[in-house]
Amino acid sequence: MLPKKIEKILNEQIQKEGYSSNLYLAMASWADTEGYAGISQWLFAQAQEELEHMMKFVHFINERGGHAIIPAFEQPPVKFDGIKKLFNQVLEHEQYITSCINDIVALAIKENDFATHNWIQWFVTEQIEEESSVQTIIDKLNLLGDKNLYLFDRDIMSLRGAGK
C-alpha cells in the first residue's frame, strides 16, 4: 500500500512531468515556426518522453493502491528568445525536475517506503542523462557562437542521447 505522503508527492510529480511535456511541445512548435526543423524534432521527442514519464507515475501510483490524479496544466510560454536561451531554459527546467525527484527519494527514505525508493531510482538515472544531454547541446552551441545554426539544426538529432 502506498503511504499517503508518498501518494501526494507522486501526484505532484505527475503535474510536473505533464507540464514538462507541454513546455517542450511549446518550444518545439516555436522552433518549427522559426525554421529550425531539427531542433523542433529534438524537442518533440523530448515532449513525448516527458509524457511517457508522466504515465510511469500514473501507473505506479495506481498499481500501489493509490489514486493517480491528472491535473490541469499551466500554459507554457509560446515565444522564446533564441536557440541558446531556449536550451538554457531546458537545462534549468531539467535541474528543477532533478530536485523534485530527489525530494521523492528523500521522502521515500524517511517513510521507509522501499518499493518507491527502488522504483524512483530509474528517474534518478534518467535525470543524470537528461541534464548531461542538454549540457552537451549547450556546449556545442557555445562553440558555435551565434553562427552556423543551420548545420547545428541539421545535426542535432545525432546529439540526442550524446550524454547518455
N, C-alpha and C. Protein backbone atom coordinates (compact mmCIF):
# COMPACT_ATOMS: atom_id res chain seq x y z
N MET A 1 0.84 -1.19 0.00
CA MET A 1 0.00 0.00 0.00
C MET A 1 0.88 1.25 0.00
N LEU A 2 0.50 2.21 -0.80
CA LEU A 2 1.26 3.44 -0.95
C LEU A 2 0.96 4.39 0.21
N PRO A 3 1.99 4.81 0.97
CA PRO A 3 1.74 5.79 2.04
C PRO A 3 1.16 7.09 1.47
N LYS A 4 0.28 7.73 2.20
CA LYS A 4 -0.41 8.94 1.72
C LYS A 4 0.55 10.07 1.35
N LYS A 5 1.60 10.26 2.16
CA LYS A 5 2.57 11.32 1.84
C LYS A 5 3.27 11.04 0.51
N ILE A 6 3.54 9.77 0.27
CA ILE A 6 4.19 9.38 -0.99
C ILE A 6 3.21 9.57 -2.15
N GLU A 7 1.97 9.15 -1.96
CA GLU A 7 0.96 9.33 -3.00
C GLU A 7 0.84 10.80 -3.37
N LYS A 8 0.85 11.66 -2.38
CA LYS A 8 0.72 13.11 -2.62
C LYS A 8 1.89 13.64 -3.45
N ILE A 9 3.12 13.31 -3.05
CA ILE A 9 4.28 13.84 -3.77
C ILE A 9 4.38 13.25 -5.18
N LEU A 10 3.97 11.99 -5.34
CA LEU A 10 3.99 11.39 -6.68
C LEU A 10 2.93 12.02 -7.58
N ASN A 11 1.76 12.34 -7.01
CA ASN A 11 0.75 13.05 -7.79
C ASN A 11 1.22 14.45 -8.18
N GLU A 12 1.96 15.09 -7.30
CA GLU A 12 2.54 16.39 -7.65
C GLU A 12 3.52 16.24 -8.81
N GLN A 13 4.25 15.13 -8.84
CA GLN A 13 5.20 14.90 -9.92
C GLN A 13 4.49 14.63 -11.24
N ILE A 14 3.30 14.05 -11.19
CA ILE A 14 2.51 13.88 -12.43
C ILE A 14 2.32 15.25 -13.08
N GLN A 15 1.96 16.24 -12.28
CA GLN A 15 1.75 17.60 -12.81
C GLN A 15 3.05 18.13 -13.41
N LYS A 16 4.17 17.92 -12.74
CA LYS A 16 5.46 18.45 -13.21
C LYS A 16 5.90 17.78 -14.50
N GLU A 17 5.68 16.47 -14.61
CA GLU A 17 6.04 15.76 -15.83
C GLU A 17 5.14 16.17 -16.99
N GLY A 18 3.85 16.33 -16.71
CA GLY A 18 2.92 16.77 -17.74
C GLY A 18 3.24 18.17 -18.23
N TYR A 19 3.57 19.05 -17.29
CA TYR A 19 3.96 20.41 -17.68
C TYR A 19 5.24 20.38 -18.51
N SER A 20 6.18 19.52 -18.12
CA SER A 20 7.43 19.38 -18.88
C SER A 20 7.12 19.01 -20.33
N SER A 21 6.22 18.06 -20.52
CA SER A 21 5.83 17.65 -21.86
C SER A 21 5.26 18.83 -22.64
N ASN A 22 4.36 19.57 -22.00
CA ASN A 22 3.76 20.73 -22.67
C ASN A 22 4.77 21.83 -22.94
N LEU A 23 5.70 22.04 -22.01
CA LEU A 23 6.74 23.05 -22.21
C LEU A 23 7.57 22.71 -23.44
N TYR A 24 8.01 21.45 -23.53
CA TYR A 24 8.84 21.05 -24.67
C TYR A 24 8.04 21.05 -25.97
N LEU A 25 6.76 20.75 -25.87
CA LEU A 25 5.89 20.82 -27.04
C LEU A 25 5.77 22.27 -27.52
N ALA A 26 5.61 23.20 -26.58
CA ALA A 26 5.55 24.62 -26.94
C ALA A 26 6.86 25.10 -27.56
N MET A 27 7.97 24.66 -26.98
CA MET A 27 9.28 25.00 -27.53
C MET A 27 9.44 24.43 -28.93
N ALA A 28 8.99 23.18 -29.12
CA ALA A 28 9.08 22.53 -30.43
C ALA A 28 8.26 23.28 -31.47
N SER A 29 7.08 23.68 -31.09
CA SER A 29 6.22 24.42 -32.02
C SER A 29 6.85 25.74 -32.41
N TRP A 30 7.41 26.44 -31.42
CA TRP A 30 8.09 27.71 -31.71
C TRP A 30 9.27 27.47 -32.66
N ALA A 31 10.11 26.48 -32.35
CA ALA A 31 11.28 26.19 -33.19
C ALA A 31 10.85 25.83 -34.61
N ASP A 32 9.76 25.08 -34.72
CA ASP A 32 9.24 24.68 -36.03
C ASP A 32 8.84 25.90 -36.84
N THR A 33 8.15 26.84 -36.22
CA THR A 33 7.71 28.04 -36.94
C THR A 33 8.86 28.99 -37.25
N GLU A 34 9.98 28.84 -36.53
CA GLU A 34 11.16 29.68 -36.78
C GLU A 34 12.09 29.06 -37.82
N GLY A 35 11.72 27.87 -38.32
CA GLY A 35 12.52 27.23 -39.37
C GLY A 35 13.57 26.26 -38.87
N TYR A 36 13.54 25.94 -37.59
CA TYR A 36 14.51 25.01 -37.02
C TYR A 36 13.90 23.61 -36.95
N ALA A 37 13.86 22.94 -38.09
CA ALA A 37 13.21 21.63 -38.17
C ALA A 37 13.89 20.59 -37.30
N GLY A 38 15.20 20.58 -37.26
CA GLY A 38 15.93 19.61 -36.45
C GLY A 38 15.74 19.84 -34.96
N ILE A 39 15.84 21.09 -34.55
CA ILE A 39 15.64 21.43 -33.14
C ILE A 39 14.21 21.11 -32.74
N SER A 40 13.25 21.43 -33.59
CA SER A 40 11.86 21.12 -33.24
C SER A 40 11.66 19.60 -33.13
N GLN A 41 12.30 18.84 -34.02
CA GLN A 41 12.20 17.38 -33.95
C GLN A 41 12.76 16.87 -32.62
N TRP A 42 13.89 17.42 -32.19
CA TRP A 42 14.50 17.03 -30.92
C TRP A 42 13.55 17.35 -29.76
N LEU A 43 12.95 18.53 -29.80
CA LEU A 43 12.04 18.95 -28.73
C LEU A 43 10.73 18.16 -28.74
N PHE A 44 10.22 17.84 -29.93
CA PHE A 44 9.02 16.99 -30.00
C PHE A 44 9.31 15.63 -29.36
N ALA A 45 10.50 15.09 -29.61
CA ALA A 45 10.88 13.80 -29.00
C ALA A 45 10.97 13.94 -27.48
N GLN A 46 11.51 15.06 -27.01
CA GLN A 46 11.58 15.30 -25.55
C GLN A 46 10.19 15.40 -24.95
N ALA A 47 9.29 16.06 -25.65
CA ALA A 47 7.90 16.20 -25.16
C ALA A 47 7.26 14.83 -25.01
N GLN A 48 7.48 13.97 -25.99
CA GLN A 48 6.92 12.61 -25.93
C GLN A 48 7.53 11.83 -24.76
N GLU A 49 8.81 11.98 -24.56
CA GLU A 49 9.48 11.28 -23.46
C GLU A 49 8.93 11.73 -22.11
N GLU A 50 8.68 13.02 -21.95
CA GLU A 50 8.14 13.52 -20.69
C GLU A 50 6.71 13.01 -20.46
N LEU A 51 5.95 12.88 -21.52
CA LEU A 51 4.61 12.30 -21.40
C LEU A 51 4.70 10.85 -20.92
N GLU A 52 5.66 10.12 -21.44
CA GLU A 52 5.88 8.74 -21.00
C GLU A 52 6.28 8.69 -19.53
N HIS A 53 7.08 9.65 -19.09
CA HIS A 53 7.45 9.72 -17.68
C HIS A 53 6.21 9.95 -16.82
N MET A 54 5.35 10.85 -17.25
CA MET A 54 4.12 11.11 -16.52
C MET A 54 3.30 9.83 -16.38
N MET A 55 3.20 9.08 -17.46
CA MET A 55 2.44 7.84 -17.45
C MET A 55 3.04 6.81 -16.49
N LYS A 56 4.36 6.79 -16.38
CA LYS A 56 5.00 5.88 -15.42
C LYS A 56 4.54 6.19 -14.00
N PHE A 57 4.43 7.48 -13.68
CA PHE A 57 3.96 7.87 -12.35
C PHE A 57 2.50 7.46 -12.15
N VAL A 58 1.67 7.70 -13.16
CA VAL A 58 0.25 7.32 -13.08
C VAL A 58 0.12 5.83 -12.79
N HIS A 59 0.80 5.02 -13.57
CA HIS A 59 0.70 3.57 -13.40
C HIS A 59 1.24 3.11 -12.05
N PHE A 60 2.35 3.67 -11.63
CA PHE A 60 2.95 3.26 -10.35
C PHE A 60 2.01 3.57 -9.18
N ILE A 61 1.47 4.77 -9.16
CA ILE A 61 0.56 5.15 -8.08
C ILE A 61 -0.62 4.19 -8.03
N ASN A 62 -1.24 3.96 -9.17
CA ASN A 62 -2.43 3.09 -9.21
C ASN A 62 -2.09 1.64 -8.86
N GLU A 63 -0.96 1.15 -9.34
CA GLU A 63 -0.54 -0.23 -9.04
C GLU A 63 -0.26 -0.44 -7.56
N ARG A 64 0.14 0.63 -6.87
CA ARG A 64 0.46 0.52 -5.45
C ARG A 64 -0.75 0.81 -4.56
N GLY A 65 -1.93 0.90 -5.14
CA GLY A 65 -3.14 1.09 -4.35
C GLY A 65 -3.51 2.53 -4.10
N GLY A 66 -2.81 3.43 -4.76
CA GLY A 66 -3.15 4.85 -4.65
C GLY A 66 -4.11 5.25 -5.76
N HIS A 67 -4.31 6.54 -5.91
CA HIS A 67 -5.18 7.06 -6.96
C HIS A 67 -4.43 8.19 -7.66
N ALA A 68 -4.00 7.92 -8.88
CA ALA A 68 -3.31 8.95 -9.67
C ALA A 68 -4.32 10.00 -10.12
N ILE A 69 -3.96 11.25 -9.94
CA ILE A 69 -4.84 12.37 -10.29
C ILE A 69 -4.20 13.12 -11.45
N ILE A 70 -4.97 13.31 -12.50
CA ILE A 70 -4.48 14.04 -13.67
C ILE A 70 -4.93 15.50 -13.55
N PRO A 71 -3.99 16.40 -13.35
CA PRO A 71 -4.35 17.80 -13.11
C PRO A 71 -4.45 18.59 -14.41
N ALA A 72 -4.92 19.80 -14.28
CA ALA A 72 -4.82 20.76 -15.38
C ALA A 72 -3.36 21.23 -15.40
N PHE A 73 -2.90 21.62 -16.55
CA PHE A 73 -1.52 22.08 -16.67
C PHE A 73 -1.50 23.55 -17.04
N GLU A 74 -0.59 24.28 -16.39
CA GLU A 74 -0.39 25.69 -16.70
C GLU A 74 0.10 25.80 -18.15
N GLN A 75 -0.36 26.83 -18.84
CA GLN A 75 0.08 27.02 -20.22
C GLN A 75 1.54 27.47 -20.23
N PRO A 76 2.39 26.81 -21.00
CA PRO A 76 3.79 27.23 -21.10
C PRO A 76 3.91 28.47 -21.99
N PRO A 77 5.07 29.10 -21.97
CA PRO A 77 5.29 30.24 -22.87
C PRO A 77 5.10 29.83 -24.33
N VAL A 78 4.83 30.79 -25.19
CA VAL A 78 4.65 30.49 -26.61
C VAL A 78 5.77 31.05 -27.47
N LYS A 79 6.56 31.97 -26.92
CA LYS A 79 7.68 32.55 -27.65
C LYS A 79 8.94 32.40 -26.82
N PHE A 80 10.05 32.28 -27.52
CA PHE A 80 11.33 32.08 -26.85
C PHE A 80 12.36 33.02 -27.47
N ASP A 81 13.39 33.31 -26.70
CA ASP A 81 14.37 34.33 -27.04
C ASP A 81 15.61 33.79 -27.76
N GLY A 82 15.42 32.88 -28.66
CA GLY A 82 16.56 32.34 -29.39
C GLY A 82 16.92 30.94 -28.92
N ILE A 83 17.69 30.27 -29.73
CA ILE A 83 18.02 28.86 -29.51
C ILE A 83 18.88 28.66 -28.26
N LYS A 84 19.90 29.47 -28.10
CA LYS A 84 20.79 29.30 -26.95
C LYS A 84 20.03 29.50 -25.64
N LYS A 85 19.22 30.53 -25.57
CA LYS A 85 18.44 30.79 -24.35
C LYS A 85 17.41 29.68 -24.14
N LEU A 86 16.84 29.18 -25.21
CA LEU A 86 15.87 28.09 -25.11
C LEU A 86 16.51 26.87 -24.46
N PHE A 87 17.70 26.49 -24.91
CA PHE A 87 18.35 25.31 -24.33
C PHE A 87 18.82 25.56 -22.90
N ASN A 88 19.18 26.81 -22.58
CA ASN A 88 19.48 27.12 -21.18
C ASN A 88 18.23 26.95 -20.32
N GLN A 89 17.06 27.32 -20.86
CA GLN A 89 15.80 27.10 -20.15
C GLN A 89 15.52 25.61 -19.98
N VAL A 90 15.82 24.82 -21.00
CA VAL A 90 15.63 23.37 -20.91
C VAL A 90 16.50 22.81 -19.78
N LEU A 91 17.78 23.23 -19.73
CA LEU A 91 18.67 22.74 -18.68
C LEU A 91 18.17 23.15 -17.30
N GLU A 92 17.78 24.40 -17.17
CA GLU A 92 17.26 24.89 -15.88
C GLU A 92 16.02 24.08 -15.46
N HIS A 93 15.15 23.79 -16.42
CA HIS A 93 13.95 23.03 -16.11
C HIS A 93 14.31 21.59 -15.69
N GLU A 94 15.25 20.98 -16.39
CA GLU A 94 15.66 19.62 -16.03
C GLU A 94 16.31 19.59 -14.65
N GLN A 95 17.06 20.62 -14.31
CA GLN A 95 17.65 20.70 -12.97
C GLN A 95 16.55 20.81 -11.91
N TYR A 96 15.50 21.56 -12.21
CA TYR A 96 14.36 21.65 -11.30
C TYR A 96 13.71 20.28 -11.13
N ILE A 97 13.49 19.56 -12.23
CA ILE A 97 12.88 18.23 -12.16
C ILE A 97 13.79 17.28 -11.35
N THR A 98 15.10 17.39 -11.53
CA THR A 98 16.02 16.58 -10.74
C THR A 98 15.82 16.84 -9.26
N SER A 99 15.69 18.11 -8.87
CA SER A 99 15.50 18.42 -7.44
C SER A 99 14.17 17.84 -6.94
N CYS A 100 13.16 17.82 -7.78
CA CYS A 100 11.86 17.23 -7.40
C CYS A 100 11.98 15.72 -7.22
N ILE A 101 12.71 15.07 -8.10
CA ILE A 101 12.94 13.62 -7.99
C ILE A 101 13.72 13.33 -6.70
N ASN A 102 14.71 14.16 -6.41
CA ASN A 102 15.48 13.99 -5.18
C ASN A 102 14.59 14.14 -3.94
N ASP A 103 13.61 15.03 -4.01
CA ASP A 103 12.66 15.19 -2.90
C ASP A 103 11.85 13.92 -2.69
N ILE A 104 11.49 13.26 -3.78
CA ILE A 104 10.74 11.99 -3.69
C ILE A 104 11.63 10.93 -3.05
N VAL A 105 12.89 10.86 -3.47
CA VAL A 105 13.83 9.89 -2.88
C VAL A 105 13.93 10.13 -1.38
N ALA A 106 14.11 11.38 -0.98
CA ALA A 106 14.27 11.71 0.44
C ALA A 106 13.03 11.32 1.24
N LEU A 107 11.85 11.59 0.69
CA LEU A 107 10.62 11.24 1.39
C LEU A 107 10.44 9.72 1.47
N ALA A 108 10.78 9.02 0.40
CA ALA A 108 10.66 7.55 0.42
C ALA A 108 11.57 6.96 1.50
N ILE A 109 12.75 7.51 1.65
CA ILE A 109 13.67 7.04 2.70
C ILE A 109 13.07 7.35 4.07
N LYS A 110 12.60 8.58 4.23
CA LYS A 110 12.02 8.99 5.52
C LYS A 110 10.82 8.13 5.91
N GLU A 111 10.01 7.76 4.93
CA GLU A 111 8.80 6.97 5.17
C GLU A 111 9.04 5.46 5.15
N ASN A 112 10.32 5.06 4.98
CA ASN A 112 10.66 3.64 4.86
C ASN A 112 9.86 2.95 3.75
N ASP A 113 9.63 3.67 2.66
CA ASP A 113 8.91 3.11 1.52
C ASP A 113 9.95 2.62 0.51
N PHE A 114 10.40 1.40 0.74
CA PHE A 114 11.50 0.86 -0.05
C PHE A 114 11.08 0.55 -1.49
N ALA A 115 9.81 0.23 -1.70
CA ALA A 115 9.33 -0.03 -3.06
C ALA A 115 9.42 1.23 -3.90
N THR A 116 8.95 2.35 -3.36
CA THR A 116 9.03 3.62 -4.09
C THR A 116 10.49 4.03 -4.27
N HIS A 117 11.28 3.86 -3.21
CA HIS A 117 12.70 4.21 -3.29
C HIS A 117 13.38 3.43 -4.42
N ASN A 118 13.10 2.16 -4.51
CA ASN A 118 13.68 1.33 -5.57
C ASN A 118 13.17 1.78 -6.94
N TRP A 119 11.87 2.01 -7.06
CA TRP A 119 11.27 2.38 -8.33
C TRP A 119 11.77 3.73 -8.83
N ILE A 120 11.93 4.69 -7.94
CA ILE A 120 12.29 6.06 -8.35
C ILE A 120 13.74 6.16 -8.82
N GLN A 121 14.54 5.13 -8.54
CA GLN A 121 15.95 5.16 -8.96
C GLN A 121 16.09 5.26 -10.48
N TRP A 122 15.12 4.70 -11.21
CA TRP A 122 15.16 4.83 -12.67
C TRP A 122 15.15 6.30 -13.06
N PHE A 123 14.33 7.10 -12.36
CA PHE A 123 14.24 8.53 -12.65
C PHE A 123 15.50 9.28 -12.22
N VAL A 124 16.14 8.83 -11.15
CA VAL A 124 17.40 9.45 -10.73
C VAL A 124 18.41 9.32 -11.87
N THR A 125 18.55 8.12 -12.40
CA THR A 125 19.46 7.87 -13.52
C THR A 125 19.04 8.65 -14.76
N GLU A 126 17.75 8.66 -15.04
CA GLU A 126 17.23 9.38 -16.21
C GLU A 126 17.56 10.86 -16.14
N GLN A 127 17.45 11.45 -14.96
CA GLN A 127 17.73 12.88 -14.83
C GLN A 127 19.21 13.19 -15.04
N ILE A 128 20.09 12.30 -14.61
CA ILE A 128 21.52 12.48 -14.88
C ILE A 128 21.72 12.54 -16.39
N GLU A 129 21.08 11.61 -17.10
CA GLU A 129 21.21 11.55 -18.57
C GLU A 129 20.59 12.77 -19.23
N GLU A 130 19.43 13.21 -18.74
CA GLU A 130 18.76 14.37 -19.34
C GLU A 130 19.63 15.62 -19.22
N GLU A 131 20.14 15.87 -18.02
CA GLU A 131 20.97 17.06 -17.82
C GLU A 131 22.24 16.99 -18.66
N SER A 132 22.86 15.83 -18.72
CA SER A 132 24.08 15.65 -19.50
C SER A 132 23.83 15.89 -20.99
N SER A 133 22.73 15.36 -21.48
CA SER A 133 22.37 15.52 -22.90
C SER A 133 22.18 16.99 -23.26
N VAL A 134 21.45 17.71 -22.41
CA VAL A 134 21.20 19.13 -22.69
C VAL A 134 22.49 19.93 -22.55
N GLN A 135 23.31 19.59 -21.56
CA GLN A 135 24.59 20.29 -21.39
C GLN A 135 25.48 20.10 -22.61
N THR A 136 25.46 18.90 -23.19
CA THR A 136 26.23 18.65 -24.41
C THR A 136 25.77 19.57 -25.54
N ILE A 137 24.46 19.75 -25.66
CA ILE A 137 23.92 20.65 -26.69
C ILE A 137 24.35 22.09 -26.42
N ILE A 138 24.27 22.52 -25.18
CA ILE A 138 24.68 23.88 -24.82
C ILE A 138 26.17 24.08 -25.10
N ASP A 139 26.97 23.08 -24.78
CA ASP A 139 28.41 23.16 -25.06
C ASP A 139 28.65 23.34 -26.56
N LYS A 140 27.93 22.60 -27.39
CA LYS A 140 28.06 22.73 -28.85
C LYS A 140 27.64 24.12 -29.31
N LEU A 141 26.53 24.61 -28.75
CA LEU A 141 26.07 25.97 -29.11
C LEU A 141 27.09 27.02 -28.70
N ASN A 142 27.72 26.84 -27.56
CA ASN A 142 28.75 27.79 -27.12
C ASN A 142 29.95 27.77 -28.06
N LEU A 143 30.30 26.61 -28.58
CA LEU A 143 31.39 26.52 -29.54
C LEU A 143 31.05 27.24 -30.84
N LEU A 144 29.78 27.14 -31.24
CA LEU A 144 29.34 27.76 -32.48
C LEU A 144 29.20 29.26 -32.39
N GLY A 145 28.91 29.76 -31.23
CA GLY A 145 28.58 31.18 -31.11
C GLY A 145 27.20 31.38 -31.70
N ASP A 146 27.00 32.48 -32.36
CA ASP A 146 25.69 32.76 -32.95
C ASP A 146 25.65 32.45 -34.44
N LYS A 147 26.62 31.74 -34.92
CA LYS A 147 26.68 31.41 -36.34
C LYS A 147 26.55 29.91 -36.54
N ASN A 148 26.34 29.51 -37.79
CA ASN A 148 26.30 28.11 -38.17
C ASN A 148 25.15 27.32 -37.54
N LEU A 149 24.07 27.98 -37.19
CA LEU A 149 22.94 27.26 -36.61
C LEU A 149 22.29 26.34 -37.63
N TYR A 150 22.48 26.61 -38.91
CA TYR A 150 21.91 25.72 -39.92
C TYR A 150 22.48 24.31 -39.76
N LEU A 151 23.79 24.19 -39.67
CA LEU A 151 24.41 22.87 -39.52
C LEU A 151 24.05 22.25 -38.17
N PHE A 152 24.01 23.06 -37.13
CA PHE A 152 23.61 22.55 -35.81
C PHE A 152 22.20 22.01 -35.87
N ASP A 153 21.30 22.77 -36.48
CA ASP A 153 19.90 22.35 -36.60
C ASP A 153 19.80 21.04 -37.38
N ARG A 154 20.60 20.92 -38.41
CA ARG A 154 20.59 19.71 -39.23
C ARG A 154 21.09 18.50 -38.46
N ASP A 155 22.06 18.70 -37.57
CA ASP A 155 22.74 17.58 -36.92
C ASP A 155 22.29 17.31 -35.49
N ILE A 156 21.35 18.07 -34.96
CA ILE A 156 21.01 17.95 -33.54
C ILE A 156 20.52 16.56 -33.14
N MET A 157 19.82 15.89 -34.01
CA MET A 157 19.29 14.57 -33.63
C MET A 157 20.44 13.57 -33.39
N SER A 158 21.59 13.81 -33.99
CA SER A 158 22.73 12.93 -33.70
C SER A 158 23.27 13.17 -32.30
N LEU A 159 22.92 14.31 -31.69
CA LEU A 159 23.33 14.62 -30.32
C LEU A 159 22.37 14.02 -29.31
N ARG A 160 21.17 13.63 -29.75
CA ARG A 160 20.18 13.08 -28.82
C ARG A 160 20.78 11.87 -28.13
N GLY A 161 20.86 11.97 -26.85
CA GLY A 161 21.44 10.88 -26.08
C GLY A 161 22.95 10.90 -26.05
N ALA A 162 23.56 12.00 -26.56
CA ALA A 162 25.01 12.07 -26.57
C ALA A 162 25.59 11.99 -25.16
N GLY A 163 24.84 12.51 -24.19
CA GLY A 163 25.32 12.46 -22.83
C GLY A 163 24.93 11.17 -22.12
N LYS A 164 24.24 10.31 -22.82
CA LYS A 164 23.74 9.07 -22.20
C LYS A 164 24.74 7.96 -22.31
